[in-house]
Amino acid sequence: MSEAGHVDGLLAVLDLASSDARTTEDIFTGVSQSMPLGRVFGGQVLAQAIVAAERTVGDDRAAHSMHGYFLRPGDSTRGMTFSVDRIHDGRSFSTRRTQAYQDGVPIFSMIASFETDAAGLEHQDEMPHDIPDPETLSDQAVLEGLHPMSRRHFDRSPVDVRHVEAPIYASVEGAHVPRQAVWVRTRGAVPDDARLHRAALAYMSDLTIQESVLRAHGASWSTPGLKVASLDHAMWWHRPARVDDWLLYVQQSPSAQGGRGLATGRIFSRDGQLVASVAQEIMIRVPQD
């Protein structure tokens, strides 16, 4: 499959179908991406939940925040049902609750807020300086050494990821610090639909944010016995962005304790605009010597 074909696959996943069910809720259904280990990718569920919620608000309101909890692992060989509750519609804000189900059991629960476009105070963090351009970076050398099953996951990804520091797929090179940065963009063009770009950005936001926790402790994704699971995810969209242009995702972990690690991230457009902020807590189990 071509790189553009992988993006078409992502767009197909985000193209939810409306249900004919006559209920007090809005019901949507969607398919899942094929995953090597059969477990639904959390970023996919995030993106689909946002798409479902946005189907129930007017075109004049854009998602500006979401807070979600991963309740159970999903099966990537099966489809999902998304139920949306219209919690509130005010003059400027709308609130929606989305639940994702498989076999009638909730696997993800989210509340999102939407706002009409408005002028107001504005400031932002500055984009880090001295970051190498994405064209000078590549993860391919590390990917070549991965097990074919793991390699297939990256080869089929609709997102091009380029680590500023050495990636931690197989080992952790350099200092064991709780921070990193990656450049990301889709492998092909995405239509000029702001809602699609917001949803795809949510998808991207879950790809590497856990790595700031792992890097701090010298744990690579290939560490024997490593277990990682996302517990929750929060995201704030600040400014419009195109996901088919390079975006810099700056990540750090302020704390890890009790088998849980917190990671935060800031996403910048290439021209320095802060377009989104992210926070996620993960469960992490690392074998002790």
C-alpha atoms as a PDB file:
ATOM      1  CA  MET A   1       0.000   0.000   0.000  1.00  0.00           C
ATOM      2  CA  SER A   2       1.280   3.500  -0.840  1.00  0.00           C
ATOM      3  CA  GLU A   3       1.819   6.122   1.848  1.00  0.00           C
ATOM      4  CA  ALA A   4      -1.216   8.012   0.526  1.00  0.00           C
ATOM      5  CA  GLY A   5      -3.165   4.767   0.857  1.00  0.00           C
ATOM      6  CA  HIS A   6      -2.350   4.632   4.560  1.00  0.00           C
ATOM      7  CA  VAL A   7      -3.842   8.113   4.974  1.00  0.00           C
ATOM      8  CA  ASP A   8      -6.928   6.974   3.069  1.00  0.00           C
ATOM      9  CA  GLY A   9      -7.204   4.205   5.633  1.00  0.00           C
ATOM     10  CA  LEU A  10      -7.149   6.742   8.463  1.00  0.00           C
ATOM     11  CA  LEU A  11      -9.804   8.843   6.745  1.00  0.00           C
ATOM     12  CA  ALA A  12     -11.969   5.735   6.335  1.00  0.00           C
ATOM     13  CA  VAL A  13     -11.689   5.042  10.070  1.00  0.00           C
ATOM     14  CA  LEU A  14     -12.775   8.623  10.821  1.00  0.00           C
ATOM     15  CA  ASP A  15     -15.773   8.392   8.461  1.00  0.00           C
ATOM     16  CA  LEU A  16     -18.339   7.211  10.994  1.00  0.00           C
ATOM     17  CA  ALA A  17     -21.746   5.983   9.932  1.00  0.00           C
ATOM     18  CA  SER A  18     -24.943   7.315  11.514  1.00  0.00           C
ATOM     19  CA  SER A  19     -27.321   4.809  13.051  1.00  0.00           C
ATOM     20  CA  ASP A  20     -31.025   4.713  12.289  1.00  0.00           C
ATOM     21  CA  ALA A  21     -31.768   3.911  15.913  1.00  0.00           C
ATOM     22  CA  ARG A  22     -34.545   6.102  17.329  1.00  0.00           C
ATOM     23  CA  THR A  23     -33.193   6.911  20.789  1.00  0.00           C
ATOM     24  CA  THR A  24     -32.569   9.988  22.891  1.00  0.00           C
ATOM     25  CA  GLU A  25     -28.880   9.657  21.986  1.00  0.00           C
ATOM     26  CA  ASP A  26     -26.989  10.100  18.746  1.00  0.00           C
ATOM     27  CA  ILE A  27     -25.497   6.752  17.695  1.00  0.00           C
ATOM     28  CA  PHE A  28     -22.595   6.266  15.273  1.00  0.00           C
ATOM     29  CA  THR A  29     -20.607   3.231  14.174  1.00  0.00           C
ATOM     30  CA  GLY A  30     -17.058   2.884  12.924  1.00  0.00           C
ATOM     31  CA  VAL A  31     -14.392   0.383  11.948  1.00  0.00           C
ATOM     32  CA  SER A  32     -10.997  -0.186  13.541  1.00  0.00           C
ATOM     33  CA  GLN A  33      -7.529  -0.153  12.072  1.00  0.00           C
ATOM     34  CA  SER A  34      -5.795  -3.503  11.879  1.00  0.00           C
ATOM     35  CA  MET A  35      -3.137  -3.721  14.609  1.00  0.00           C
ATOM     36  CA  PRO A  36      -0.342  -6.310  14.913  1.00  0.00           C
ATOM     37  CA  LEU A  37      -1.344  -7.396  18.422  1.00  0.00           C
ATOM     38  CA  GLY A  38      -5.096  -7.049  17.885  1.00  0.00           C
ATOM     39  CA  ARG A  39      -5.540  -4.206  20.353  1.00  0.00           C
ATOM     40  CA  VAL A  40      -7.260  -0.983  19.301  1.00  0.00           C
ATOM     41  CA  PHE A  41      -4.914   2.020  19.133  1.00  0.00           C
ATOM     42  CA  GLY A  42      -6.048   4.575  21.716  1.00  0.00           C
ATOM     43  CA  GLY A  43      -5.481   7.533  19.398  1.00  0.00           C
ATOM     44  CA  GLN A  44      -7.946   6.015  16.947  1.00  0.00           C
ATOM     45  CA  VAL A  45     -10.685   5.879  19.589  1.00  0.00           C
ATOM     46  CA  LEU A  46      -9.893   9.468  20.660  1.00  0.00           C
ATOM     47  CA  ALA A  47     -10.226  10.691  17.084  1.00  0.00           C
ATOM     48  CA  GLN A  48     -13.437   8.759  16.407  1.00  0.00           C
ATOM     49  CA  ALA A  49     -15.012   9.969  19.659  1.00  0.00           C
ATOM     50  CA  ILE A  50     -14.307  13.582  18.673  1.00  0.00           C
ATOM     51  CA  VAL A  51     -15.759  13.001  15.198  1.00  0.00           C
ATOM     52  CA  ALA A  52     -18.929  11.533  16.735  1.00  0.00           C
ATOM     53  CA  ALA A  53     -19.327  14.451  19.158  1.00  0.00           C
ATOM     54  CA  GLU A  54     -18.722  17.059  16.438  1.00  0.00           C
ATOM     55  CA  ARG A  55     -21.484  15.499  14.318  1.00  0.00           C
ATOM     56  CA  THR A  56     -23.945  16.772  16.944  1.00  0.00           C
ATOM     57  CA  VAL A  57     -22.860  20.429  17.133  1.00  0.00           C
ATOM     58  CA  GLY A  58     -23.232  23.250  14.628  1.00  0.00           C
ATOM     59  CA  ASP A  59     -20.565  24.122  12.090  1.00  0.00           C
ATOM     60  CA  ASP A  60     -19.968  27.372  13.976  1.00  0.00           C
ATOM     61  CA  ARG A  61     -18.519  25.505  16.998  1.00  0.00           C
ATOM     62  CA  ALA A  62     -15.114  23.835  17.116  1.00  0.00           C
ATOM     63  CA  ALA A  63     -13.715  21.396  19.663  1.00  0.00           C
ATOM     64  CA  HIS A  64     -11.370  23.161  22.070  1.00  0.00           C
ATOM     65  CA  SER A  65     -10.936  20.524  24.800  1.00  0.00           C
ATOM     66  CA  MET A  66     -11.546  16.891  25.629  1.00  0.00           C
ATOM     67  CA  HIS A  67     -10.996  14.687  28.666  1.00  0.00           C
ATOM     68  CA  GLY A  68     -11.273  10.937  28.242  1.00  0.00           C
ATOM     69  CA  TYR A  69     -10.708   7.677  30.104  1.00  0.00           C
ATOM     70  CA  PHE A  70      -9.625   4.385  28.577  1.00  0.00           C
ATOM     71  CA  LEU A  71     -11.797   1.833  30.384  1.00  0.00           C
ATOM     72  CA  ARG A  72     -10.979  -1.457  28.632  1.00  0.00           C
ATOM     73  CA  PRO A  73      -8.721  -2.604  25.783  1.00  0.00           C
ATOM     74  CA  GLY A  74     -10.552  -2.756  22.468  1.00  0.00           C
ATOM     75  CA  ASP A  75     -10.431  -5.489  19.812  1.00  0.00           C
ATOM     76  CA  SER A  76      -9.076  -4.097  16.539  1.00  0.00           C
ATOM     77  CA  THR A  77     -10.727  -6.886  14.537  1.00  0.00           C
ATOM     78  CA  ARG A  78     -14.170  -5.564  15.432  1.00  0.00           C
ATOM     79  CA  GLY A  79     -16.087  -2.354  14.865  1.00  0.00           C
ATOM     80  CA  MET A  80     -17.226   0.118  17.505  1.00  0.00           C
ATOM     81  CA  THR A  81     -20.377   1.978  18.439  1.00  0.00           C
ATOM     82  CA  PHE A  82     -20.248   5.587  19.659  1.00  0.00           C
ATOM     83  CA  SER A  83     -23.074   7.048  21.722  1.00  0.00           C
ATOM     84  CA  VAL A  84     -23.216  10.837  22.140  1.00  0.00           C
ATOM     85  CA  ASP A  85     -25.154  12.667  24.844  1.00  0.00           C
ATOM     86  CA  ARG A  86     -25.966  16.336  24.200  1.00  0.00           C
ATOM     87  CA  ILE A  87     -25.130  17.578  27.687  1.00  0.00           C
ATOM     88  CA  HIS A  88     -25.414  21.341  27.131  1.00  0.00           C
ATOM     89  CA  ASP A  89     -25.787  23.973  24.431  1.00  0.00           C
ATOM     90  CA  GLY A  90     -25.184  27.567  25.487  1.00  0.00           C
ATOM     91  CA  ARG A  91     -24.681  30.829  23.636  1.00  0.00           C
ATOM     92  CA  SER A  92     -20.959  30.203  23.154  1.00  0.00           C
ATOM     93  CA  PHE A  93     -20.209  26.683  24.368  1.00  0.00           C
ATOM     94  CA  SER A  94     -21.565  23.178  23.799  1.00  0.00           C
ATOM     95  CA  THR A  95     -20.711  20.096  25.856  1.00  0.00           C
ATOM     96  CA  ARG A  96     -20.927  16.487  24.668  1.00  0.00           C
ATOM     97  CA  ARG A  97     -20.283  13.108  26.287  1.00  0.00           C
ATOM     98  CA  THR A  98     -19.170  10.274  24.004  1.00  0.00           C
ATOM     99  CA  GLN A  99     -18.988   6.623  25.016  1.00  0.00           C
ATOM    100  CA  ALA A 100     -17.327   4.017  22.792  1.00  0.00           C
ATOM    101  CA  TYR A 101     -18.678   0.457  22.993  1.00  0.00           C
ATOM    102  CA  GLN A 102     -17.749  -2.990  21.776  1.00  0.00           C
ATOM    103  CA  ASP A 103     -20.203  -5.854  22.362  1.00  0.00           C
ATOM    104  CA  GLY A 104     -22.318  -3.497  24.458  1.00  0.00           C
ATOM    105  CA  VAL A 105     -19.490  -2.816  26.923  1.00  0.00           C
ATOM    106  CA  PRO A 106     -17.921   0.677  27.223  1.00  0.00           C
ATOM    107  CA  ILE A 107     -14.213   0.804  26.385  1.00  0.00           C
ATOM    108  CA  PHE A 108     -13.748   4.602  26.359  1.00  0.00           C
ATOM    109  CA  SER A 109     -15.584   7.570  27.877  1.00  0.00           C
ATOM    110  CA  MET A 110     -15.021  11.223  26.945  1.00  0.00           C
ATOM    111  CA  ILE A 111     -16.433  14.675  27.626  1.00  0.00           C
ATOM    112  CA  ALA A 112     -15.600  17.372  25.078  1.00  0.00           C
ATOM    113  CA  SER A 113     -16.344  21.083  24.865  1.00  0.00           C
ATOM    114  CA  PHE A 114     -16.975  23.155  21.739  1.00  0.00           C
ATOM    115  CA  GLU A 115     -16.906  26.935  21.313  1.00  0.00           C
ATOM    116  CA  THR A 116     -17.890  29.524  18.759  1.00  0.00           C
ATOM    117  CA  ASP A 117     -15.007  31.547  17.302  1.00  0.00           C
ATOM    118  CA  ALA A 118     -14.324  34.578  19.496  1.00  0.00           C
ATOM    119  CA  ALA A 119     -11.684  37.268  19.910  1.00  0.00           C
ATOM    120  CA  GLY A 120      -9.893  37.702  23.213  1.00  0.00           C
ATOM    121  CA  LEU A 121      -6.605  37.801  25.101  1.00  0.00           C
ATOM    122  CA  GLU A 122      -3.828  35.798  23.519  1.00  0.00           C
ATOM    123  CA  HIS A 123      -0.348  34.550  24.411  1.00  0.00           C
ATOM    124  CA  GLN A 124       1.558  31.277  24.037  1.00  0.00           C
ATOM    125  CA  ASP A 125       4.722  29.415  25.004  1.00  0.00           C
ATOM    126  CA  GLU A 126       7.552  29.809  22.550  1.00  0.00           C
ATOM    127  CA  MET A 127       8.568  26.914  20.346  1.00  0.00           C
ATOM    128  CA  PRO A 128      11.946  25.461  21.428  1.00  0.00           C
ATOM    129  CA  HIS A 129      14.953  26.776  19.537  1.00  0.00           C
ATOM    130  CA  ASP A 130      17.749  24.781  17.902  1.00  0.00           C
ATOM    131  CA  ILE A 131      15.479  21.915  16.841  1.00  0.00           C
ATOM    132  CA  PRO A 132      16.749  20.195  13.675  1.00  0.00           C
ATOM    133  CA  ASP A 133      14.483  20.269  10.636  1.00  0.00           C
ATOM    134  CA  PRO A 134      12.455  17.100  10.037  1.00  0.00           C
ATOM    135  CA  GLU A 135      14.052  16.616   6.616  1.00  0.00           C
ATOM    136  CA  THR A 136      17.395  16.007   8.373  1.00  0.00           C
ATOM    137  CA  LEU A 137      15.967  13.264  10.622  1.00  0.00           C
ATOM    138  CA  SER A 138      14.877   9.663  10.054  1.00  0.00           C
ATOM    139  CA  ASP A 139      13.800   6.720  12.212  1.00  0.00           C
ATOM    140  CA  GLN A 140      14.353   4.225   9.394  1.00  0.00           C
ATOM    141  CA  ALA A 141      17.723   2.887  10.555  1.00  0.00           C
ATOM    142  CA  VAL A 142      16.235   1.861  13.908  1.00  0.00           C
ATOM    143  CA  LEU A 143      13.071   0.474  12.320  1.00  0.00           C
ATOM    144  CA  GLU A 144      15.128  -1.809  10.071  1.00  0.00           C
ATOM    145  CA  GLY A 145      16.298  -3.742  13.134  1.00  0.00           C
ATOM    146  CA  LEU A 146      12.856  -4.406  14.601  1.00  0.00           C
ATOM    147  CA  HIS A 147      10.989  -7.705  14.592  1.00  0.00           C
ATOM    148  CA  PRO A 148       8.872  -7.974  11.402  1.00  0.00           C
ATOM    149  CA  MET A 149       5.640  -7.882  13.441  1.00  0.00           C
ATOM    150  CA  SER A 150       6.671  -4.602  15.100  1.00  0.00           C
ATOM    151  CA  ARG A 151       8.033  -3.205  11.851  1.00  0.00           C
ATOM    152  CA  ARG A 152       4.690  -3.816  10.127  1.00  0.00           C
ATOM    153  CA  HIS A 153       2.967  -1.494  12.616  1.00  0.00           C
ATOM    154  CA  PHE A 154       5.232   1.407  11.648  1.00  0.00           C
ATOM    155  CA  ASP A 155       5.251   0.640   7.930  1.00  0.00           C
ATOM    156  CA  ARG A 156       1.447   0.793   7.831  1.00  0.00           C
ATOM    157  CA  SER A 157       1.108   3.895   9.972  1.00  0.00           C
ATOM    158  CA  PRO A 158      -0.603   6.884   8.310  1.00  0.00           C
ATOM    159  CA  VAL A 159       1.734   9.180  10.277  1.00  0.00           C
ATOM    160  CA  ASP A 160       5.404   9.907   9.581  1.00  0.00           C
ATOM    161  CA  VAL A 161       7.216  10.217  12.949  1.00  0.00           C
ATOM    162  CA  ARG A 162      10.774  11.547  13.217  1.00  0.00           C
ATOM    163  CA  HIS A 163      12.429  11.682  16.610  1.00  0.00           C
ATOM    164  CA  VAL A 164      14.726  14.594  17.415  1.00  0.00           C
ATOM    165  CA  GLU A 165      16.535  12.386  19.914  1.00  0.00           C
ATOM    166  CA  ALA A 166      17.267   8.763  19.007  1.00  0.00           C
ATOM    167  CA  PRO A 167      13.995   6.784  19.035  1.00  0.00           C
ATOM    168  CA  ILE A 168      13.478   4.253  21.833  1.00  0.00           C
ATOM    169  CA  TYR A 169      11.950   1.438  19.785  1.00  0.00           C
ATOM    170  CA  ALA A 170      14.773  -1.022  20.483  1.00  0.00           C
ATOM    171  CA  SER A 171      16.995   0.716  23.065  1.00  0.00           C
ATOM    172  CA  VAL A 172      17.464   4.048  24.815  1.00  0.00           C
ATOM    173  CA  GLU A 173      20.532   5.859  23.555  1.00  0.00           C
ATOM    174  CA  GLY A 174      21.914   8.950  25.265  1.00  0.00           C
ATOM    175  CA  ALA A 175      20.798  10.496  28.534  1.00  0.00           C
ATOM    176  CA  HIS A 176      17.885   8.989  30.442  1.00  0.00           C
ATOM    177  CA  VAL A 177      15.832  12.161  30.734  1.00  0.00           C
ATOM    178  CA  PRO A 178      12.039  12.683  31.044  1.00  0.00           C
ATOM    179  CA  ARG A 179      11.661  14.656  27.826  1.00  0.00           C
ATOM    180  CA  GLN A 180      11.874  14.391  24.065  1.00  0.00           C
ATOM    181  CA  ALA A 181      10.603  15.963  20.852  1.00  0.00           C
ATOM    182  CA  VAL A 182       9.280  14.461  17.632  1.00  0.00           C
ATOM    183  CA  TRP A 183       8.195  15.828  14.274  1.00  0.00           C
ATOM    184  CA  VAL A 184       4.914  14.370  12.955  1.00  0.00           C
ATOM    185  CA  ARG A 185       2.713  14.696   9.887  1.00  0.00           C
ATOM    186  CA  THR A 186       0.415  12.466   7.868  1.00  0.00           C
ATOM    187  CA  ARG A 187       2.017  10.583   4.979  1.00  0.00           C
ATOM    188  CA  GLY A 188      -0.320  12.212   2.492  1.00  0.00           C
ATOM    189  CA  ALA A 189      -2.739  15.081   2.032  1.00  0.00           C
ATOM    190  CA  VAL A 190      -5.823  15.433   4.231  1.00  0.00           C
ATOM    191  CA  PRO A 191      -8.908  17.214   2.809  1.00  0.00           C
ATOM    192  CA  ASP A 192      -9.552  20.865   3.714  1.00  0.00           C
ATOM    193  CA  ASP A 193     -11.919  20.061   6.560  1.00  0.00           C
ATOM    194  CA  ALA A 194     -10.949  21.608   9.901  1.00  0.00           C
ATOM    195  CA  ARG A 195     -12.849  18.906  11.806  1.00  0.00           C
ATOM    196  CA  LEU A 196     -10.855  16.164  10.097  1.00  0.00           C
ATOM    197  CA  HIS A 197      -7.596  17.902  10.979  1.00  0.00           C
ATOM    198  CA  ARG A 198      -8.639  18.265  14.626  1.00  0.00           C
ATOM    199  CA  ALA A 199      -9.555  14.584  14.809  1.00  0.00           C
ATOM    200  CA  ALA A 200      -6.337  13.496  13.104  1.00  0.00           C
ATOM    201  CA  LEU A 201      -4.357  15.674  15.524  1.00  0.00           C
ATOM    202  CA  ALA A 202      -6.015  13.804  18.396  1.00  0.00           C
ATOM    203  CA  TYR A 203      -4.922  10.562  16.714  1.00  0.00           C
ATOM    204  CA  MET A 204      -1.330  11.821  16.492  1.00  0.00           C
ATOM    205  CA  SER A 205      -1.331  13.044  20.088  1.00  0.00           C
ATOM    206  CA  ASP A 206      -1.365   9.464  21.425  1.00  0.00           C
ATOM    207  CA  LEU A 207       1.458   8.087  19.264  1.00  0.00           C
ATOM    208  CA  THR A 208       4.591   8.920  21.290  1.00  0.00           C
ATOM    209  CA  ILE A 209       3.627  10.866  24.407  1.00  0.00           C
ATOM    210  CA  GLN A 210       4.279   7.866  26.690  1.00  0.00           C
ATOM    211  CA  GLU A 211       7.937   7.828  25.655  1.00  0.00           C
ATOM    212  CA  SER A 212       8.954  10.715  27.921  1.00  0.00           C
ATOM    213  CA  VAL A 213       8.132   8.438  30.878  1.00  0.00           C
ATOM    214  CA  LEU A 214       9.977   5.452  29.405  1.00  0.00           C
ATOM    215  CA  ARG A 215      13.045   7.439  28.332  1.00  0.00           C
ATOM    216  CA  ALA A 216      13.528   8.769  31.875  1.00  0.00           C
ATOM    217  CA  HIS A 217      14.038   5.217  33.125  1.00  0.00           C
ATOM    218  CA  GLY A 218      16.014   3.799  30.209  1.00  0.00           C
ATOM    219  CA  ALA A 219      13.095   1.583  29.154  1.00  0.00           C
ATOM    220  CA  SER A 220      12.612   0.993  25.429  1.00  0.00           C
ATOM    221  CA  TRP A 221       9.483  -0.411  23.798  1.00  0.00           C
ATOM    222  CA  SER A 222      11.435  -3.674  23.396  1.00  0.00           C
ATOM    223  CA  THR A 223      12.182  -4.066  27.122  1.00  0.00           C
ATOM    224  CA  PRO A 224      11.267  -7.664  28.075  1.00  0.00           C
ATOM    225  CA  GLY A 225       8.219  -7.756  30.328  1.00  0.00           C
ATOM    226  CA  LEU A 226       7.359  -4.068  29.830  1.00  0.00           C
ATOM    227  CA  LYS A 227       3.635  -3.325  30.179  1.00  0.00           C
ATOM    228  CA  VAL A 228       2.174   0.070  29.278  1.00  0.00           C
ATOM    229  CA  ALA A 229      -1.480   1.088  29.087  1.00  0.00           C
ATOM    230  CA  SER A 230      -2.997   4.544  28.696  1.00  0.00           C
ATOM    231  CA  LEU A 231      -5.337   5.421  31.565  1.00  0.00           C
ATOM    232  CA  ASP A 232      -6.660   8.810  30.500  1.00  0.00           C
ATOM    233  CA  HIS A 233      -6.056  11.520  27.929  1.00  0.00           C
ATOM    234  CA  ALA A 234      -6.735  15.251  27.849  1.00  0.00           C
ATOM    235  CA  MET A 235      -6.271  17.600  24.913  1.00  0.00           C
ATOM    236  CA  TRP A 236      -6.754  21.299  24.255  1.00  0.00           C
ATOM    237  CA  TRP A 237      -6.891  22.637  20.691  1.00  0.00           C
ATOM    238  CA  HIS A 238      -5.584  26.217  20.744  1.00  0.00           C
ATOM    239  CA  ARG A 239      -5.191  27.216  17.100  1.00  0.00           C
ATOM    240  CA  PRO A 240      -5.962  25.712  13.679  1.00  0.00           C
ATOM    241  CA  ALA A 241      -3.322  23.393  12.224  1.00  0.00           C
ATOM    242  CA  ARG A 242      -2.866  21.142   9.214  1.00  0.00           C
ATOM    243  CA  VAL A 243      -1.802  17.618  10.083  1.00  0.00           C
ATOM    244  CA  ASP A 244      -0.299  17.116   6.621  1.00  0.00           C
ATOM    245  CA  ASP A 245       2.280  19.823   7.414  1.00  0.00           C
ATOM    246  CA  TRP A 246       5.124  19.112   9.831  1.00  0.00           C
ATOM    247  CA  LEU A 247       4.245  19.627  13.501  1.00  0.00           C
ATOM    248  CA  LEU A 248       6.701  19.596  16.405  1.00  0.00           C
ATOM    249  CA  TYR A 249       5.486  17.593  19.410  1.00  0.00           C
ATOM    250  CA  VAL A 250       7.482  18.524  22.545  1.00  0.00           C
ATOM    251  CA  GLN A 251       6.935  16.068  25.403  1.00  0.00           C
ATOM    252  CA  GLN A 252       7.983  15.749  29.032  1.00  0.00           C
ATOM    253  CA  SER A 253       7.096  13.733  32.115  1.00  0.00           C
ATOM    254  CA  PRO A 254       6.877  15.719  35.368  1.00  0.00           C
ATOM    255  CA  SER A 255       6.218  12.673  37.569  1.00  0.00           C
ATOM    256  CA  ALA A 256       6.097   8.884  37.826  1.00  0.00           C
ATOM    257  CA  GLN A 257       5.007   7.001  40.938  1.00  0.00           C
ATOM    258  CA  GLY A 258       2.860   4.098  42.080  1.00  0.00           C
ATOM    259  CA  GLY A 259       3.116   2.332  38.739  1.00  0.00           C
ATOM    260  CA  ARG A 260       1.763   5.394  36.912  1.00  0.00           C
ATOM    261  CA  GLY A 261       3.541   8.019  34.844  1.00  0.00           C
ATOM    262  CA  LEU A 262       2.266  11.431  33.769  1.00  0.00           C
ATOM    263  CA  ALA A 263       3.279  12.850  30.402  1.00  0.00           C
ATOM    264  CA  THR A 264       2.496  16.264  28.946  1.00  0.00           C
ATOM    265  CA  GLY A 265       2.997  17.633  25.462  1.00  0.00           C
ATOM    266  CA  ARG A 266       2.865  20.798  23.404  1.00  0.00           C
ATOM    267  CA  ILE A 267       2.312  20.707  19.651  1.00  0.00           C
ATOM    268  CA  PHE A 268       3.687  23.527  17.484  1.00  0.00           C
ATOM    269  CA  SER A 269       3.251  24.303  13.809  1.00  0.00           C
ATOM    270  CA  ARG A 270       6.481  24.691  11.893  1.00  0.00           C
ATOM    271  CA  ASP A 271       6.173  28.483  12.006  1.00  0.00           C
ATOM    272  CA  GLY A 272       6.044  28.441  15.830  1.00  0.00           C
ATOM    273  CA  GLN A 273       2.306  28.578  16.581  1.00  0.00           C
ATOM    274  CA  LEU A 274       1.258  26.568  19.646  1.00  0.00           C
ATOM    275  CA  VAL A 275      -1.654  24.594  18.205  1.00  0.00           C
ATOM    276  CA  ALA A 276      -2.455  22.106  21.003  1.00  0.00           C
ATOM    277  CA  SER A 277      -1.556  20.893  24.491  1.00  0.00           C
ATOM    278  CA  VAL A 278      -1.865  17.307  25.708  1.00  0.00           C
ATOM    279  CA  ALA A 279      -1.700  15.386  28.999  1.00  0.00           C
ATOM    280  CA  GLN A 280      -1.855  11.655  29.566  1.00  0.00           C
ATOM    281  CA  GLU A 281      -1.343   9.309  32.522  1.00  0.00           C
ATOM    282  CA  ILE A 282      -0.215   5.769  31.823  1.00  0.00           C
ATOM    283  CA  MET A 283       0.049   2.579  33.780  1.00  0.00           C
ATOM    284  CA  ILE A 284       3.615   1.337  33.505  1.00  0.00           C
ATOM    285  CA  ARG A 285       5.138  -1.910  34.721  1.00  0.00           C
ATOM    286  CA  VAL A 286       8.885  -2.347  34.297  1.00  0.00           C
ATOM    287  CA  PRO A 287      10.528  -5.585  35.454  1.00  0.00           C
ATOM    288  CA  GLN A 288      12.743  -4.990  38.493  1.00  0.00           C
ATOM    289  CA  ASP A 289      16.265  -6.397  38.668  1.00  0.00           C
END
